[in-house]
């Protein structure tokens, strides 16, 4: 599958520098755009309000960047896209509810939480890594997480059906 192009932008932040990566592939006559990111951390001991504000700012930049790509590259329509990464927040958070309202769908929504945790430590388990699909260009054919001793993050995966057009 040929890569059409790849690029990225830095995200604003109050902690570790992060960004939004973009790669576009062409499985057929039209493209699929894949975005990858990692939002700022929510750490104990720091102001949770400041950290949540940081995440909201980062998500706003991500959505503005995607919107500019829609305008420049797609004539106002996103087409087929996937947004993945470590969002450092739980599924029912206001941050992720904002993302869901934009038209991205969460293929893990409604899944058994015990089977979708992506962060597994001795003192906590949580889902903080996500793969969001932009409908109607992509649909999920299944999902899961893979455990690895290499990290305390499990690898989330989604089977994707690419609709032509």
Protein backbone atom coordinates (compact mmCIF):
# COMPACT_ATOMS: atom_id res chain seq x y z
CA UNK A 1 0.00 0.00 0.00
CA UNK A 2 1.76 3.19 -1.09
CA UNK A 3 2.32 6.04 1.35
CA UNK A 4 1.15 9.26 -0.26
CA UNK A 5 2.86 11.53 2.28
CA UNK A 6 3.65 11.97 5.96
CA UNK A 7 4.07 15.00 8.17
CA UNK A 8 3.33 16.28 11.64
CA UNK A 9 2.85 19.28 13.91
CA UNK A 10 3.99 20.03 17.43
CA UNK A 11 1.28 20.47 20.06
CA UNK A 12 1.33 23.16 22.74
CA UNK A 13 1.92 21.83 26.23
CA UNK A 14 2.88 22.46 29.82
CA UNK A 15 4.83 19.22 30.22
CA UNK A 16 6.68 16.94 27.79
CA UNK A 17 6.65 18.08 24.15
CA UNK A 18 4.23 16.04 22.05
CA UNK A 19 2.74 16.27 18.58
CA UNK A 20 0.34 15.00 15.95
CA UNK A 21 1.73 12.73 13.25
CA UNK A 22 -0.05 12.18 9.94
CA UNK A 23 0.47 9.58 7.26
CA UNK A 24 -1.74 9.05 4.24
CA UNK A 25 -1.94 5.74 2.43
CA UNK A 26 -3.71 4.86 -0.80
CA UNK A 27 -5.20 1.35 -0.69
CA UNK A 28 -7.35 2.17 -3.74
CA UNK A 29 -8.30 5.25 -5.79
CA UNK A 30 -8.90 7.29 -2.63
CA UNK A 31 -6.79 7.75 0.48
CA UNK A 32 -6.93 6.81 4.16
CA UNK A 33 -5.41 9.31 6.57
CA UNK A 34 -3.94 8.02 9.83
CA UNK A 35 -3.24 10.41 12.71
CA UNK A 36 -1.24 9.52 15.82
CA UNK A 37 -0.78 11.56 18.98
CA UNK A 38 -0.09 11.56 22.69
CA UNK A 39 -1.74 14.16 24.90
CA UNK A 40 -0.26 15.62 28.07
CA UNK A 41 -0.20 13.58 31.26
CA UNK A 42 -2.53 13.81 34.24
CA UNK A 43 -0.13 13.45 37.17
CA UNK A 44 -0.70 13.44 40.92
CA UNK A 45 0.74 16.42 42.73
CA UNK A 46 0.16 18.84 39.85
CA UNK A 47 -2.90 21.02 39.32
CA UNK A 48 -5.49 18.73 37.69
CA UNK A 49 -7.27 21.80 36.30
CA UNK A 50 -4.10 22.97 34.54
CA UNK A 51 -3.40 19.49 33.18
CA UNK A 52 -6.98 19.05 31.91
CA UNK A 53 -6.81 22.51 30.32
CA UNK A 54 -3.56 21.44 28.66
CA UNK A 55 -5.25 18.35 27.21
CA UNK A 56 -8.23 20.41 25.97
CA UNK A 57 -5.85 22.86 24.27
CA UNK A 58 -3.97 20.00 22.64
CA UNK A 59 -7.19 18.34 21.45
CA UNK A 60 -8.39 21.68 20.05
CA UNK A 61 -5.15 22.03 18.07
CA UNK A 62 -5.56 18.44 16.81
CA UNK A 63 -9.13 19.11 15.67
CA UNK A 64 -8.13 22.43 14.07
CA UNK A 65 -5.27 20.70 12.27
CA UNK A 66 -7.57 17.96 10.98
CA UNK A 67 -10.08 20.64 9.95
CA UNK A 68 -7.37 22.45 7.97
CA UNK A 69 -6.45 19.15 6.29
CA UNK A 70 -10.11 18.64 5.40
CA UNK A 71 -10.29 22.08 3.82
CA UNK A 72 -6.95 21.86 2.00
CA UNK A 73 -6.81 18.19 1.02
CA UNK A 74 -10.38 16.94 0.82
CA UNK A 75 -12.53 19.84 -0.36
CA UNK A 76 -14.43 19.98 2.93
CA UNK A 77 -14.83 16.23 3.54
CA UNK A 78 -12.44 14.14 5.61
CA UNK A 79 -13.15 10.86 3.88
CA UNK A 80 -11.55 7.86 5.57
CA UNK A 81 -9.47 8.53 8.66
CA UNK A 82 -8.22 7.00 11.89
CA UNK A 83 -7.02 8.94 14.96
CA UNK A 84 -5.04 6.95 17.49
CA UNK A 85 -2.75 7.43 20.39
CA UNK A 86 -2.39 7.86 24.11
CA UNK A 87 -4.99 10.34 25.33
CA UNK A 88 -4.21 9.91 29.05
CA UNK A 89 -7.89 10.06 29.95
CA UNK A 90 -10.77 7.66 30.55
CA UNK A 91 -13.55 6.92 28.03
CA UNK A 92 -16.30 8.88 29.81
CA UNK A 93 -14.19 12.01 30.34
CA UNK A 94 -15.47 15.32 28.96
CA UNK A 95 -12.33 15.46 26.80
CA UNK A 96 -13.14 12.24 24.96
CA UNK A 97 -16.84 13.06 24.79
CA UNK A 98 -15.80 16.20 22.89
CA UNK A 99 -13.90 14.05 20.41
CA UNK A 100 -16.86 11.73 19.93
CA UNK A 101 -19.11 14.71 19.09
CA UNK A 102 -16.86 15.59 16.15
CA UNK A 103 -17.85 12.47 14.21
CA UNK A 104 -15.07 10.09 15.25
CA UNK A 105 -16.39 6.80 16.64
CA UNK A 106 -14.82 4.64 19.33
CA UNK A 107 -14.81 0.98 18.23
CA UNK A 108 -14.23 -0.04 21.88
CA UNK A 109 -17.39 1.74 23.11
CA UNK A 110 -19.57 -0.74 24.96
CA UNK A 111 -16.73 -3.27 25.25
CA UNK A 112 -16.01 -5.02 28.53
CA UNK A 113 -13.69 -2.60 30.37
CA UNK A 114 -11.61 -5.48 31.77
CA UNK A 115 -10.81 -6.52 28.20
CA UNK A 116 -10.01 -3.02 26.92
CA UNK A 117 -7.63 -1.68 29.58
CA UNK A 118 -4.51 -0.36 27.90
CA UNK A 119 -2.66 0.76 31.02
CA UNK A 120 -1.96 -2.04 33.45
CA UNK A 121 0.07 -1.39 36.57
CA UNK A 122 0.08 -3.06 39.96
CA UNK A 123 -1.92 -0.20 41.47
CA UNK A 124 -4.29 0.63 38.61
CA UNK A 125 -5.88 -0.41 35.34
CA UNK A 126 -7.38 2.05 32.89
CA UNK A 127 -8.08 2.63 29.24
CA UNK A 128 -5.99 5.59 28.09
CA UNK A 129 -4.99 4.53 24.56
CA UNK A 130 -7.55 4.87 21.76
CA UNK A 131 -8.21 4.25 18.09
CA UNK A 132 -10.98 6.45 16.69
CA UNK A 133 -12.54 5.85 13.27
CA UNK A 134 -14.03 8.50 11.04
CA UNK A 135 -17.32 7.25 9.61
CA UNK A 136 -18.59 6.52 7.00
CA UNK A 137 -15.27 5.69 5.34
CA UNK A 138 -14.13 3.08 7.85
CA UNK A 139 -15.89 0.54 10.04
CA UNK A 140 -14.60 -1.76 12.75
CA UNK A 141 -14.54 -5.51 12.24
CA UNK A 142 -13.30 -6.22 15.77
CA UNK A 143 -10.90 -4.96 18.42
CA UNK A 144 -8.76 -5.95 21.35
CA UNK A 145 -5.59 -5.34 23.29
CA UNK A 146 -2.33 -7.25 23.28
CA UNK A 147 -0.29 -7.56 26.46
CA UNK A 148 3.45 -6.99 26.31
CA UNK A 149 6.20 -7.12 28.89
CA UNK A 150 7.95 -4.30 27.00
CA UNK A 151 5.63 -1.61 28.39
CA UNK A 152 2.92 -0.96 30.96
CA UNK A 153 0.71 0.01 28.01
CA UNK A 154 -1.09 -2.75 26.16
CA UNK A 155 -1.29 -2.41 22.40
CA UNK A 156 -4.82 -1.59 21.25
CA UNK A 157 -5.84 -2.85 17.82
CA UNK A 158 -8.87 -2.52 15.57
CA UNK A 159 -9.73 -4.55 12.50
CA UNK A 160 -10.89 -2.08 9.86
CA UNK A 161 -13.03 -2.49 6.80
CA UNK A 162 -12.18 0.15 4.21
CA UNK A 163 -15.19 1.19 2.17
CA UNK A 164 -14.43 2.11 -1.39
CA UNK A 165 -15.23 5.53 -2.65
